[in-house]
Amino acid sequence: MVILYMMAALMGGLISCVLLWPHGAAIALLSMPFGGSLLVMLAAILVYMRASRETVSGKDHAISMDLPQNLRTTESRR
């Protein structure tokens, strides 16, 4: 997830810089952190919505891995 958020921040910063470059270099460079943060927030919301949708449908693997299971022994006790 960390890599996803880092890539979203980089892409958001670059996109905001490119879009605001016609308004001046200073404005474009100062807007990069805001564009990056905005895209990271959007990515986090999408990840949250996807995770909550999977939890509702019963496909959450973290919950299923926490359930205790009966283990079989390979040796028979006589």
PDB file of N, CA and C in Angstrom:
ATOM      1  N   MET A   1       0.805  -1.195   0.000  1.00  0.00           N
ATOM      2  CA  MET A   1       0.000   0.000   0.000  1.00  0.00           C
ATOM      3  C   MET A   1       0.852   1.265   0.000  1.00  0.00           C
ATOM      4  N   VAL A   2       2.003   1.168   0.684  1.00  0.00           N
ATOM      5  CA  VAL A   2       2.859   2.345   0.777  1.00  0.00           C
ATOM      6  C   VAL A   2       3.352   2.753  -0.603  1.00  0.00           C
ATOM      7  N   ILE A   3       3.676   1.769  -1.423  1.00  0.00           N
ATOM      8  CA  ILE A   3       4.156   2.074  -2.778  1.00  0.00           C
ATOM      9  C   ILE A   3       3.039   2.708  -3.595  1.00  0.00           C
ATOM     10  N   LEU A   4       1.821   2.220  -3.424  1.00  0.00           N
ATOM     11  CA  LEU A   4       0.683   2.808  -4.131  1.00  0.00           C
ATOM     12  C   LEU A   4       0.497   4.268  -3.765  1.00  0.00           C
ATOM     13  N   TYR A   5       0.573   4.562  -2.467  1.00  0.00           N
ATOM     14  CA  TYR A   5       0.386   5.947  -2.025  1.00  0.00           C
ATOM     15  C   TYR A   5       1.539   6.839  -2.475  1.00  0.00           C
ATOM     16  N   MET A   6       2.758   6.310  -2.473  1.00  0.00           N
ATOM     17  CA  MET A   6       3.896   7.106  -2.942  1.00  0.00           C
ATOM     18  C   MET A   6       3.781   7.415  -4.432  1.00  0.00           C
ATOM     19  N   MET A   7       3.378   6.430  -5.207  1.00  0.00           N
ATOM     20  CA  MET A   7       3.213   6.657  -6.653  1.00  0.00           C
ATOM     21  C   MET A   7       2.066   7.627  -6.923  1.00  0.00           C
ATOM     22  N   ALA A   8       1.006   7.531  -6.138  1.00  0.00           N
ATOM     23  CA  ALA A   8      -0.111   8.465  -6.299  1.00  0.00           C
ATOM     24  C   ALA A   8       0.320   9.885  -5.969  1.00  0.00           C
ATOM     25  N   ALA A   9       1.158  10.044  -4.959  1.00  0.00           N
ATOM     26  CA  ALA A   9       1.642  11.381  -4.590  1.00  0.00           C
ATOM     27  C   ALA A   9       2.519  11.957  -5.692  1.00  0.00           C
ATOM     28  N   LEU A  10       3.396  11.144  -6.232  1.00  0.00           N
ATOM     29  CA  LEU A  10       4.260  11.612  -7.324  1.00  0.00           C
ATOM     30  C   LEU A  10       3.447  11.986  -8.562  1.00  0.00           C
ATOM     31  N   MET A  11       2.504  11.130  -8.907  1.00  0.00           N
ATOM     32  CA  MET A  11       1.686  11.408 -10.100  1.00  0.00           C
ATOM     33  C   MET A  11       0.814  12.639  -9.887  1.00  0.00           C
ATOM     34  N   GLY A  12       0.237  12.785  -8.720  1.00  0.00           N
ATOM     35  CA  GLY A  12      -0.592  13.954  -8.440  1.00  0.00           C
ATOM     36  C   GLY A  12       0.210  15.239  -8.481  1.00  0.00           C
ATOM     37  N   GLY A  13       1.421  15.202  -7.945  1.00  0.00           N
ATOM     38  CA  GLY A  13       2.286  16.377  -7.995  1.00  0.00           C
ATOM     39  C   GLY A  13       2.661  16.751  -9.417  1.00  0.00           C
ATOM     40  N   LEU A  14       3.018  15.756 -10.207  1.00  0.00           N
ATOM     41  CA  LEU A  14       3.383  16.031 -11.600  1.00  0.00           C
ATOM     42  C   LEU A  14       2.191  16.528 -12.421  1.00  0.00           C
ATOM     43  N   ILE A  15       1.051  15.937 -12.208  1.00  0.00           N
ATOM     44  CA  ILE A  15      -0.143  16.360 -12.955  1.00  0.00           C
ATOM     45  C   ILE A  15      -0.517  17.799 -12.600  1.00  0.00           C
ATOM     46  N   SER A  16      -0.494  18.128 -11.314  1.00  0.00           N
ATOM     47  CA  SER A  16      -0.836  19.502 -10.926  1.00  0.00           C
ATOM     48  C   SER A  16       0.203  20.492 -11.442  1.00  0.00           C
ATOM     49  N   CYS A  17       1.459  20.100 -11.473  1.00  0.00           N
ATOM     50  CA  CYS A  17       2.501  20.984 -12.004  1.00  0.00           C
ATOM     51  C   CYS A  17       2.304  21.234 -13.498  1.00  0.00           C
ATOM     52  N   VAL A  18       2.017  20.182 -14.229  1.00  0.00           N
ATOM     53  CA  VAL A  18       1.814  20.321 -15.678  1.00  0.00           C
ATOM     54  C   VAL A  18       0.575  21.165 -15.976  1.00  0.00           C
ATOM     55  N   LEU A  19      -0.495  20.949 -15.225  1.00  0.00           N
ATOM     56  CA  LEU A  19      -1.723  21.694 -15.488  1.00  0.00           C
ATOM     57  C   LEU A  19      -1.618  23.166 -15.126  1.00  0.00           C
ATOM     58  N   LEU A  20      -0.822  23.480 -14.113  1.00  0.00           N
ATOM     59  CA  LEU A  20      -0.719  24.871 -13.668  1.00  0.00           C
ATOM     60  C   LEU A  20       0.521  25.587 -14.197  1.00  0.00           C
ATOM     61  N   TRP A  21       1.317  24.951 -15.020  1.00  0.00           N
ATOM     62  CA  TRP A  21       2.510  25.584 -15.563  1.00  0.00           C
ATOM     63  C   TRP A  21       2.202  26.837 -16.383  1.00  0.00           C
ATOM     64  N   PRO A  22       1.117  26.876 -17.151  1.00  0.00           N
ATOM     65  CA  PRO A  22       0.818  28.107 -17.901  1.00  0.00           C
ATOM     66  C   PRO A  22       0.566  29.325 -17.002  1.00  0.00           C
ATOM     67  N   HIS A  23       0.248  29.107 -15.740  1.00  0.00           N
ATOM     68  CA  HIS A  23       0.003  30.215 -14.811  1.00  0.00           C
ATOM     69  C   HIS A  23       1.274  30.713 -14.139  1.00  0.00           C
ATOM     70  N   GLY A  24       2.362  30.063 -14.393  1.00  0.00           N
ATOM     71  CA  GLY A  24       3.644  30.488 -13.832  1.00  0.00           C
ATOM     72  C   GLY A  24       4.357  29.346 -13.143  1.00  0.00           C
ATOM     73  N   ALA A  25       5.685  29.419 -13.161  1.00  0.00           N
ATOM     74  CA  ALA A  25       6.487  28.344 -12.582  1.00  0.00           C
ATOM     75  C   ALA A  25       6.328  28.282 -11.067  1.00  0.00           C
ATOM     76  N   ALA A  26       6.254  29.434 -10.421  1.00  0.00           N
ATOM     77  CA  ALA A  26       6.141  29.443  -8.959  1.00  0.00           C
ATOM     78  C   ALA A  26       4.829  28.811  -8.502  1.00  0.00           C
ATOM     79  N   ILE A  27       3.757  29.171  -9.160  1.00  0.00           N
ATOM     80  CA  ILE A  27       2.447  28.600  -8.798  1.00  0.00           C
ATOM     81  C   ILE A  27       2.426  27.106  -9.072  1.00  0.00           C
ATOM     82  N   ALA A  28       2.996  26.699 -10.206  1.00  0.00           N
ATOM     83  CA  ALA A  28       3.015  25.278 -10.562  1.00  0.00           C
ATOM     84  C   ALA A  28       3.830  24.472  -9.547  1.00  0.00           C
ATOM     85  N   LEU A  29       4.988  24.988  -9.159  1.00  0.00           N
ATOM     86  CA  LEU A  29       5.825  24.257  -8.207  1.00  0.00           C
ATOM     87  C   LEU A  29       5.233  24.251  -6.802  1.00  0.00           C
ATOM     88  N   LEU A  30       4.593  25.333  -6.418  1.00  0.00           N
ATOM     89  CA  LEU A  30       3.968  25.377  -5.089  1.00  0.00           C
ATOM     90  C   LEU A  30       2.706  24.518  -5.005  1.00  0.00           C
ATOM     91  N   SER A  31       2.100  24.238  -6.134  1.00  0.00           N
ATOM     92  CA  SER A  31       0.876  23.434  -6.128  1.00  0.00           C
ATOM     93  C   SER A  31       1.164  21.937  -6.100  1.00  0.00           C
ATOM     94  N   MET A  32       2.403  21.531  -6.317  1.00  0.00           N
ATOM     95  CA  MET A  32       2.723  20.098  -6.375  1.00  0.00           C
ATOM     96  C   MET A  32       2.373  19.336  -5.095  1.00  0.00           C
ATOM     97  N   PRO A  33       2.695  19.848  -3.914  1.00  0.00           N
ATOM     98  CA  PRO A  33       2.306  19.093  -2.702  1.00  0.00           C
ATOM     99  C   PRO A  33       0.789  18.959  -2.538  1.00  0.00           C
ATOM    100  N   PHE A  34       0.063  19.978  -2.932  1.00  0.00           N
ATOM    101  CA  PHE A  34      -1.401  19.924  -2.802  1.00  0.00           C
ATOM    102  C   PHE A  34      -2.014  18.928  -3.784  1.00  0.00           C
ATOM    103  N   GLY A  35      -1.503  18.917  -5.008  1.00  0.00           N
ATOM    104  CA  GLY A  35      -1.991  17.942  -5.997  1.00  0.00           C
ATOM    105  C   GLY A  35      -1.650  16.527  -5.602  1.00  0.00           C
ATOM    106  N   GLY A  36      -0.437  16.331  -5.068  1.00  0.00           N
ATOM    107  CA  GLY A  36      -0.053  14.998  -4.615  1.00  0.00           C
ATOM    108  C   GLY A  36      -0.896  14.524  -3.456  1.00  0.00           C
ATOM    109  N   SER A  37      -1.136  15.413  -2.504  1.00  0.00           N
ATOM    110  CA  SER A  37      -1.954  15.044  -1.347  1.00  0.00           C
ATOM    111  C   SER A  37      -3.389  14.740  -1.755  1.00  0.00           C
ATOM    112  N   LEU A  38      -3.899  15.488  -2.707  1.00  0.00           N
ATOM    113  CA  LEU A  38      -5.262  15.258  -3.175  1.00  0.00           C
ATOM    114  C   LEU A  38      -5.391  13.892  -3.834  1.00  0.00           C
ATOM    115  N   LEU A  39      -4.406  13.523  -4.651  1.00  0.00           N
ATOM    116  CA  LEU A  39      -4.483  12.225  -5.313  1.00  0.00           C
ATOM    117  C   LEU A  39      -4.273  11.083  -4.323  1.00  0.00           C
ATOM    118  N   VAL A  40      -3.433  11.262  -3.315  1.00  0.00           N
ATOM    119  CA  VAL A  40      -3.258  10.234  -2.284  1.00  0.00           C
ATOM    120  C   VAL A  40      -4.549  10.053  -1.498  1.00  0.00           C
ATOM    121  N   MET A  41      -5.227  11.144  -1.185  1.00  0.00           N
ATOM    122  CA  MET A  41      -6.496  11.049  -0.470  1.00  0.00           C
ATOM    123  C   MET A  41      -7.529  10.296  -1.314  1.00  0.00           C
ATOM    124  N   LEU A  42      -7.572  10.561  -2.608  1.00  0.00           N
ATOM    125  CA  LEU A  42      -8.487   9.852  -3.492  1.00  0.00           C
ATOM    126  C   LEU A  42      -8.147   8.364  -3.547  1.00  0.00           C
ATOM    127  N   ALA A  43      -6.850   8.035  -3.629  1.00  0.00           N
ATOM    128  CA  ALA A  43      -6.438   6.629  -3.652  1.00  0.00           C
ATOM    129  C   ALA A  43      -6.799   5.935  -2.346  1.00  0.00           C
ATOM    130  N   ALA A  44      -6.624   6.608  -1.219  1.00  0.00           N
ATOM    131  CA  ALA A  44      -6.966   6.013   0.076  1.00  0.00           C
ATOM    132  C   ALA A  44      -8.464   5.758   0.187  1.00  0.00           C
ATOM    133  N   ILE A  45      -9.256   6.668  -0.314  1.00  0.00           N
ATOM    134  CA  ILE A  45     -10.710   6.479  -0.289  1.00  0.00           C
ATOM    135  C   ILE A  45     -11.105   5.287  -1.156  1.00  0.00           C
ATOM    136  N   LEU A  46     -10.489   5.161  -2.333  1.00  0.00           N
ATOM    137  CA  LEU A  46     -10.802   4.032  -3.210  1.00  0.00           C
ATOM    138  C   LEU A  46     -10.376   2.700  -2.594  1.00  0.00           C
ATOM    139  N   VAL A  47      -9.223   2.669  -1.931  1.00  0.00           N
ATOM    140  CA  VAL A  47      -8.778   1.444  -1.263  1.00  0.00           C
ATOM    141  C   VAL A  47      -9.722   1.090  -0.125  1.00  0.00           C
ATOM    142  N   TYR A  48     -10.159   2.079   0.634  1.00  0.00           N
ATOM    143  CA  TYR A  48     -11.100   1.836   1.727  1.00  0.00           C
ATOM    144  C   TYR A  48     -12.425   1.288   1.204  1.00  0.00           C
ATOM    145  N   MET A  49     -12.923   1.887   0.116  1.00  0.00           N
ATOM    146  CA  MET A  49     -14.192   1.420  -0.443  1.00  0.00           C
ATOM    147  C   MET A  49     -14.065  -0.007  -0.966  1.00  0.00           C
ATOM    148  N   ARG A  50     -12.939  -0.329  -1.567  1.00  0.00           N
ATOM    149  CA  ARG A  50     -12.730  -1.674  -2.083  1.00  0.00           C
ATOM    150  C   ARG A  50     -12.648  -2.679  -0.939  1.00  0.00           C
ATOM    151  N   ALA A  51     -11.932  -2.316   0.126  1.00  0.00           N
ATOM    152  CA  ALA A  51     -11.799  -3.217   1.274  1.00  0.00           C
ATOM    153  C   ALA A  51     -13.143  -3.425   1.969  1.00  0.00           C
ATOM    154  N   SER A  52     -13.934  -2.369   2.094  1.00  0.00           N
ATOM    155  CA  SER A  52     -15.229  -2.527   2.753  1.00  0.00           C
ATOM    156  C   SER A  52     -16.189  -3.337   1.897  1.00  0.00           C
ATOM    157  N   ARG A  53     -16.078  -3.225   0.595  1.00  0.00           N
ATOM    158  CA  ARG A  53     -16.914  -4.024  -0.302  1.00  0.00           C
ATOM    159  C   ARG A  53     -16.531  -5.498  -0.208  1.00  0.00           C
ATOM    160  N   GLU A  54     -15.230  -5.805  -0.107  1.00  0.00           N
ATOM    161  CA  GLU A  54     -14.800  -7.193   0.027  1.00  0.00           C
ATOM    162  C   GLU A  54     -15.209  -7.777   1.364  1.00  0.00           C
ATOM    163  N   THR A  55     -15.217  -6.970   2.415  1.00  0.00           N
ATOM    164  CA  THR A  55     -15.621  -7.445   3.727  1.00  0.00           C
ATOM    165  C   THR A  55     -17.099  -7.809   3.724  1.00  0.00           C
ATOM    166  N   VAL A  56     -17.901  -7.024   3.070  1.00  0.00           N
ATOM    167  CA  VAL A  56     -19.332  -7.298   3.000  1.00  0.00           C
ATOM    168  C   VAL A  56     -19.605  -8.566   2.212  1.00  0.00           C
ATOM    169  N   SER A  57     -18.827  -8.791   1.154  1.00  0.00           N
ATOM    170  CA  SER A  57     -19.064  -9.970   0.337  1.00  0.00           C
ATOM    171  C   SER A  57     -18.438 -11.228   0.927  1.00  0.00           C
ATOM    172  N   GLY A  58     -17.701 -11.089   2.021  1.00  0.00           N
ATOM    173  CA  GLY A  58     -17.141 -12.254   2.684  1.00  0.00           C
ATOM    174  C   GLY A  58     -15.825 -12.713   2.111  1.00  0.00           C
ATOM    175  N   LYS A  59     -15.130 -11.886   1.383  1.00  0.00           N
ATOM    176  CA  LYS A  59     -13.869 -12.275   0.771  1.00  0.00           C
ATOM    177  C   LYS A  59     -12.668 -11.708   1.515  1.00  0.00           C
ATOM    178  N   ASP A  60     -12.828 -11.312   2.742  1.00  0.00           N
ATOM    179  CA  ASP A  60     -11.729 -10.737   3.494  1.00  0.00           C
ATOM    180  C   ASP A  60     -10.836 -11.865   3.996  1.00  0.00           C
ATOM    181  N   HIS A  61      -9.656 -11.946   3.445  1.00  0.00           N
ATOM    182  CA  HIS A  61      -8.766 -13.047   3.772  1.00  0.00           C
ATOM    183  C   HIS A  61      -8.138 -12.891   5.149  1.00  0.00           C
ATOM    184  N   ALA A  62      -7.987 -11.689   5.641  1.00  0.00           N
ATOM    185  CA  ALA A  62      -7.387 -11.486   6.954  1.00  0.00           C
ATOM    186  C   ALA A  62      -8.277 -12.065   8.043  1.00  0.00           C
ATOM    187  N   ILE A  63      -9.571 -11.925   7.890  1.00  0.00           N
ATOM    188  CA  ILE A  63     -10.497 -12.464   8.891  1.00  0.00           C
ATOM    189  C   ILE A  63     -10.512 -13.982   8.820  1.00  0.00           C
ATOM    190  N   SER A  64     -10.512 -14.542   7.613  1.00  0.00           N
ATOM    191  CA  SER A  64     -10.567 -15.994   7.492  1.00  0.00           C
ATOM    192  C   SER A  64      -9.284 -16.648   7.968  1.00  0.00           C
ATOM    193  N   MET A  65      -8.158 -15.942   7.930  1.00  0.00           N
ATOM    194  CA  MET A  65      -6.908 -16.513   8.411  1.00  0.00           C
ATOM    195  C   MET A  65      -6.839 -16.499   9.930  1.00  0.00           C
ATOM    196  N   ASP A  66      -7.591 -15.639  10.583  1.00  0.00           N
ATOM    197  CA  ASP A  66      -7.569 -15.559  12.035  1.00  0.00           C
ATOM    198  C   ASP A  66      -8.443 -16.615  12.714  1.00  0.00           C
ATOM    199  N   LEU A  67      -9.304 -17.256  11.963  1.00  0.00           N
ATOM    200  CA  LEU A  67     -10.187 -18.251  12.562  1.00  0.00           C
ATOM    201  C   LEU A  67      -9.397 -19.497  12.938  1.00  0.00           C
ATOM    202  N   PRO A  68      -9.673 -20.063  14.102  1.00  0.00           N
ATOM    203  CA  PRO A  68      -8.952 -21.281  14.487  1.00  0.00           C
ATOM    204  C   PRO A  68      -9.393 -22.457  13.620  1.00  0.00           C
ATOM    205  N   GLN A  69      -8.446 -23.304  13.329  1.00  0.00           N
ATOM    206  CA  GLN A  69      -8.732 -24.463  12.494  1.00  0.00           C
ATOM    207  C   GLN A  69      -8.268 -25.722  13.225  1.00  0.00           C
ATOM    208  N   ASN A  70      -8.944 -26.808  12.941  1.00  0.00           N
ATOM    209  CA  ASN A  70      -8.522 -28.087  13.507  1.00  0.00           C
ATOM    210  C   ASN A  70      -7.361 -28.616  12.674  1.00  0.00           C
ATOM    211  N   LEU A  71      -6.282 -28.947  13.364  1.00  0.00           N
ATOM    212  CA  LEU A  71      -5.112 -29.454  12.677  1.00  0.00           C
ATOM    213  C   LEU A  71      -5.080 -30.966  12.746  1.00  0.00           C
ATOM    214  N   ARG A  72      -4.694 -31.600  11.665  1.00  0.00           N
ATOM    215  CA  ARG A  72      -4.528 -33.042  11.657  1.00  0.00           C
ATOM    216  C   ARG A  72      -3.104 -33.387  12.021  1.00  0.00           C
ATOM    217  N   THR A  73      -2.973 -34.409  12.790  1.00  0.00           N
ATOM    218  CA  THR A  73      -1.625 -34.879  13.107  1.00  0.00           C
ATOM    219  C   THR A  73      -1.248 -35.931  12.093  1.00  0.00           C
ATOM    220  N   THR A  74       0.000 -35.943  11.716  1.00  0.00           N
ATOM    221  CA  THR A  74       0.454 -36.935  10.721  1.00  0.00           C
ATOM    222  C   THR A  74       0.782 -38.264  11.380  1.00  0.00           C
ATOM    223  N   GLU A  75       1.058 -38.242  12.663  1.00  0.00           N
ATOM    224  CA  GLU A  75       1.356 -39.477  13.382  1.00  0.00           C
ATOM    225  C   GLU A  75       0.095 -39.968  14.073  1.00  0.00           C
ATOM    226  N   SER A  76      -0.115 -41.228  14.020  1.00  0.00           N
ATOM    227  CA  SER A  76      -1.274 -41.768  14.726  1.00  0.00           C
ATOM    228  C   SER A  76      -0.834 -42.224  16.105  1.00  0.00           C
ATOM    229  N   ARG A  77      -1.626 -41.927  17.075  1.00  0.00           N
ATOM    230  CA  ARG A  77      -1.327 -42.312  18.457  1.00  0.00           C
ATOM    231  C   ARG A  77      -2.109 -43.566  18.799  1.00  0.00           C
ATOM    232  N   ARG A  78      -1.403 -44.595  19.216  1.00  0.00           N
ATOM    233  CA  ARG A  78      -2.080 -45.861  19.533  1.00  0.00           C
ATOM    234  C   ARG A  78      -1.807 -46.256  20.931  1.00  0.00           C
TER     235      ARG A  78
END
